[in-house]
Amino acid sequence: MKRLGFGQLILLAVLIVILIVTAVWAVSVWNATGDAVMGTHGWIALGLGTFFSLLIGCGLMALMFFSSRSGHDDVADPFRKREPPSE
């Protein structure tokens, strides 16, 4: 397995910092815009809902990718050039 270079580590660190700053900003905007404060259970539900939505989305994309690679979708492709049947 190839090790990450110095530039890649810097890029990864910058992206993680951007993710953290964005999450903190989103939480502060969420709390500042409304009178209703979301409690701990609400944050847990929001986090679990986001996690499972991403999990289902990634799982369906993986299934679509593997289905396409296995050749099961070739019959349903209307734009594929068909070879004439050999007699």
C-alpha atoms as a PDB file:
ATOM      1  CA  MET A   1       0.000   0.000   0.000  1.00  0.00           C
ATOM      2  CA  LYS A   2       1.358   3.391  -0.974  1.00  0.00           C
ATOM      3  CA  ARG A   3       2.004   5.921   1.783  1.00  0.00           C
ATOM      4  CA  LEU A   4       0.601   9.407   1.595  1.00  0.00           C
ATOM      5  CA  GLY A   5       3.015  12.135   0.587  1.00  0.00           C
ATOM      6  CA  PHE A   6       3.517  15.406   2.444  1.00  0.00           C
ATOM      7  CA  GLY A   7       1.337  17.350   0.006  1.00  0.00           C
ATOM      8  CA  GLN A   8      -1.470  14.823   0.309  1.00  0.00           C
ATOM      9  CA  LEU A   9      -1.339  14.999   4.115  1.00  0.00           C
ATOM     10  CA  ILE A  10      -1.548  18.792   3.981  1.00  0.00           C
ATOM     11  CA  LEU A  11      -4.508  18.588   1.589  1.00  0.00           C
ATOM     12  CA  LEU A  12      -6.241  16.050   3.839  1.00  0.00           C
ATOM     13  CA  ALA A  13      -5.675  18.255   6.899  1.00  0.00           C
ATOM     14  CA  VAL A  14      -7.046  21.320   5.103  1.00  0.00           C
ATOM     15  CA  LEU A  15     -10.140  19.414   3.974  1.00  0.00           C
ATOM     16  CA  ILE A  16     -10.774  18.136   7.511  1.00  0.00           C
ATOM     17  CA  VAL A  17     -10.448  21.679   8.887  1.00  0.00           C
ATOM     18  CA  ILE A  18     -12.893  22.953   6.242  1.00  0.00           C
ATOM     19  CA  LEU A  19     -15.335  20.176   7.200  1.00  0.00           C
ATOM     20  CA  ILE A  20     -15.119  21.047  10.903  1.00  0.00           C
ATOM     21  CA  VAL A  21     -15.505  24.796  10.291  1.00  0.00           C
ATOM     22  CA  THR A  22     -18.517  24.141   8.047  1.00  0.00           C
ATOM     23  CA  ALA A  23     -20.149  21.912  10.669  1.00  0.00           C
ATOM     24  CA  VAL A  24     -19.600  24.489  13.427  1.00  0.00           C
ATOM     25  CA  TRP A  25     -20.978  27.245  11.186  1.00  0.00           C
ATOM     26  CA  ALA A  26     -24.033  25.146  10.283  1.00  0.00           C
ATOM     27  CA  VAL A  27     -24.793  24.454  13.955  1.00  0.00           C
ATOM     28  CA  SER A  28     -24.415  28.122  14.894  1.00  0.00           C
ATOM     29  CA  VAL A  29     -26.650  29.269  12.018  1.00  0.00           C
ATOM     30  CA  TRP A  30     -29.217  26.598  12.883  1.00  0.00           C
ATOM     31  CA  ASN A  31     -29.367  27.782  16.495  1.00  0.00           C
ATOM     32  CA  ALA A  32     -29.371  31.500  15.605  1.00  0.00           C
ATOM     33  CA  THR A  33     -32.165  31.495  13.044  1.00  0.00           C
ATOM     34  CA  GLY A  34     -35.077  30.175  15.022  1.00  0.00           C
ATOM     35  CA  ASP A  35     -36.763  30.379  18.393  1.00  0.00           C
ATOM     36  CA  ALA A  36     -37.015  26.609  18.671  1.00  0.00           C
ATOM     37  CA  VAL A  37     -33.859  25.120  20.146  1.00  0.00           C
ATOM     38  CA  MET A  38     -33.103  21.562  19.133  1.00  0.00           C
ATOM     39  CA  GLY A  39     -32.240  19.341  22.075  1.00  0.00           C
ATOM     40  CA  THR A  40     -29.820  16.450  22.322  1.00  0.00           C
ATOM     41  CA  HIS A  41     -32.333  13.912  21.038  1.00  0.00           C
ATOM     42  CA  GLY A  42     -32.992  16.063  17.986  1.00  0.00           C
ATOM     43  CA  TRP A  43     -29.261  16.261  17.164  1.00  0.00           C
ATOM     44  CA  ILE A  44     -28.934  12.496  17.592  1.00  0.00           C
ATOM     45  CA  ALA A  45     -31.922  11.922  15.281  1.00  0.00           C
ATOM     46  CA  LEU A  46     -30.511  14.355  12.709  1.00  0.00           C
ATOM     47  CA  GLY A  47     -27.102  12.665  12.803  1.00  0.00           C
ATOM     48  CA  LEU A  48     -28.526   9.152  12.543  1.00  0.00           C
ATOM     49  CA  GLY A  49     -30.865  10.169   9.737  1.00  0.00           C
ATOM     50  CA  THR A  50     -28.000  11.730   7.793  1.00  0.00           C
ATOM     51  CA  PHE A  51     -25.752   8.726   8.389  1.00  0.00           C
ATOM     52  CA  PHE A  52     -28.312   6.157   7.292  1.00  0.00           C
ATOM     53  CA  SER A  53     -29.349   8.231   4.261  1.00  0.00           C
ATOM     54  CA  LEU A  54     -25.728   8.349   3.135  1.00  0.00           C
ATOM     55  CA  LEU A  55     -25.330   4.631   3.870  1.00  0.00           C
ATOM     56  CA  ILE A  56     -28.372   3.719   1.776  1.00  0.00           C
ATOM     57  CA  GLY A  57     -27.318   6.069  -1.028  1.00  0.00           C
ATOM     58  CA  CYS A  58     -23.780   4.670  -1.151  1.00  0.00           C
ATOM     59  CA  GLY A  59     -25.098   1.114  -1.001  1.00  0.00           C
ATOM     60  CA  LEU A  60     -27.469   1.686  -3.904  1.00  0.00           C
ATOM     61  CA  MET A  61     -24.706   3.336  -5.957  1.00  0.00           C
ATOM     62  CA  ALA A  62     -22.423   0.366  -5.247  1.00  0.00           C
ATOM     63  CA  LEU A  63     -25.153  -2.061  -6.319  1.00  0.00           C
ATOM     64  CA  MET A  64     -25.689  -0.083  -9.511  1.00  0.00           C
ATOM     65  CA  PHE A  65     -21.943  -0.084 -10.219  1.00  0.00           C
ATOM     66  CA  PHE A  66     -21.552  -3.832  -9.656  1.00  0.00           C
ATOM     67  CA  SER A  67     -24.695  -4.588 -11.661  1.00  0.00           C
ATOM     68  CA  SER A  68     -23.358  -2.562 -14.568  1.00  0.00           C
ATOM     69  CA  ARG A  69     -19.975  -4.270 -14.404  1.00  0.00           C
ATOM     70  CA  SER A  70     -21.468  -7.782 -14.265  1.00  0.00           C
ATOM     71  CA  GLY A  71     -23.267  -7.390 -17.596  1.00  0.00           C
ATOM     72  CA  HIS A  72     -26.813  -7.833 -16.301  1.00  0.00           C
ATOM     73  CA  ASP A  73     -27.808  -4.415 -17.655  1.00  0.00           C
ATOM     74  CA  ASP A  74     -26.623  -5.017 -21.229  1.00  0.00           C
ATOM     75  CA  VAL A  75     -29.975  -6.425 -22.321  1.00  0.00           C
ATOM     76  CA  ALA A  76     -31.839  -3.312 -21.131  1.00  0.00           C
ATOM     77  CA  ASP A  77     -29.577  -0.822 -22.970  1.00  0.00           C
ATOM     78  CA  PRO A  78     -31.621   0.542 -25.922  1.00  0.00           C
ATOM     79  CA  PHE A  79     -28.646   2.376 -27.476  1.00  0.00           C
ATOM     80  CA  ARG A  80     -26.305  -0.600 -27.641  1.00  0.00           C
ATOM     81  CA  LYS A  81     -25.476  -1.809 -31.123  1.00  0.00           C
ATOM     82  CA  ARG A  82     -26.800  -5.274 -31.586  1.00  0.00           C
ATOM     83  CA  GLU A  83     -24.896  -7.925 -33.485  1.00  0.00           C
ATOM     84  CA  PRO A  84     -26.963  -9.785 -36.038  1.00  0.00           C
ATOM     85  CA  PRO A  85     -27.795 -13.318 -34.948  1.00  0.00           C
ATOM     86  CA  SER A  86     -25.452 -15.920 -36.363  1.00  0.00           C
ATOM     87  CA  GLU A  87     -27.145 -18.668 -38.342  1.00  0.00           C
END
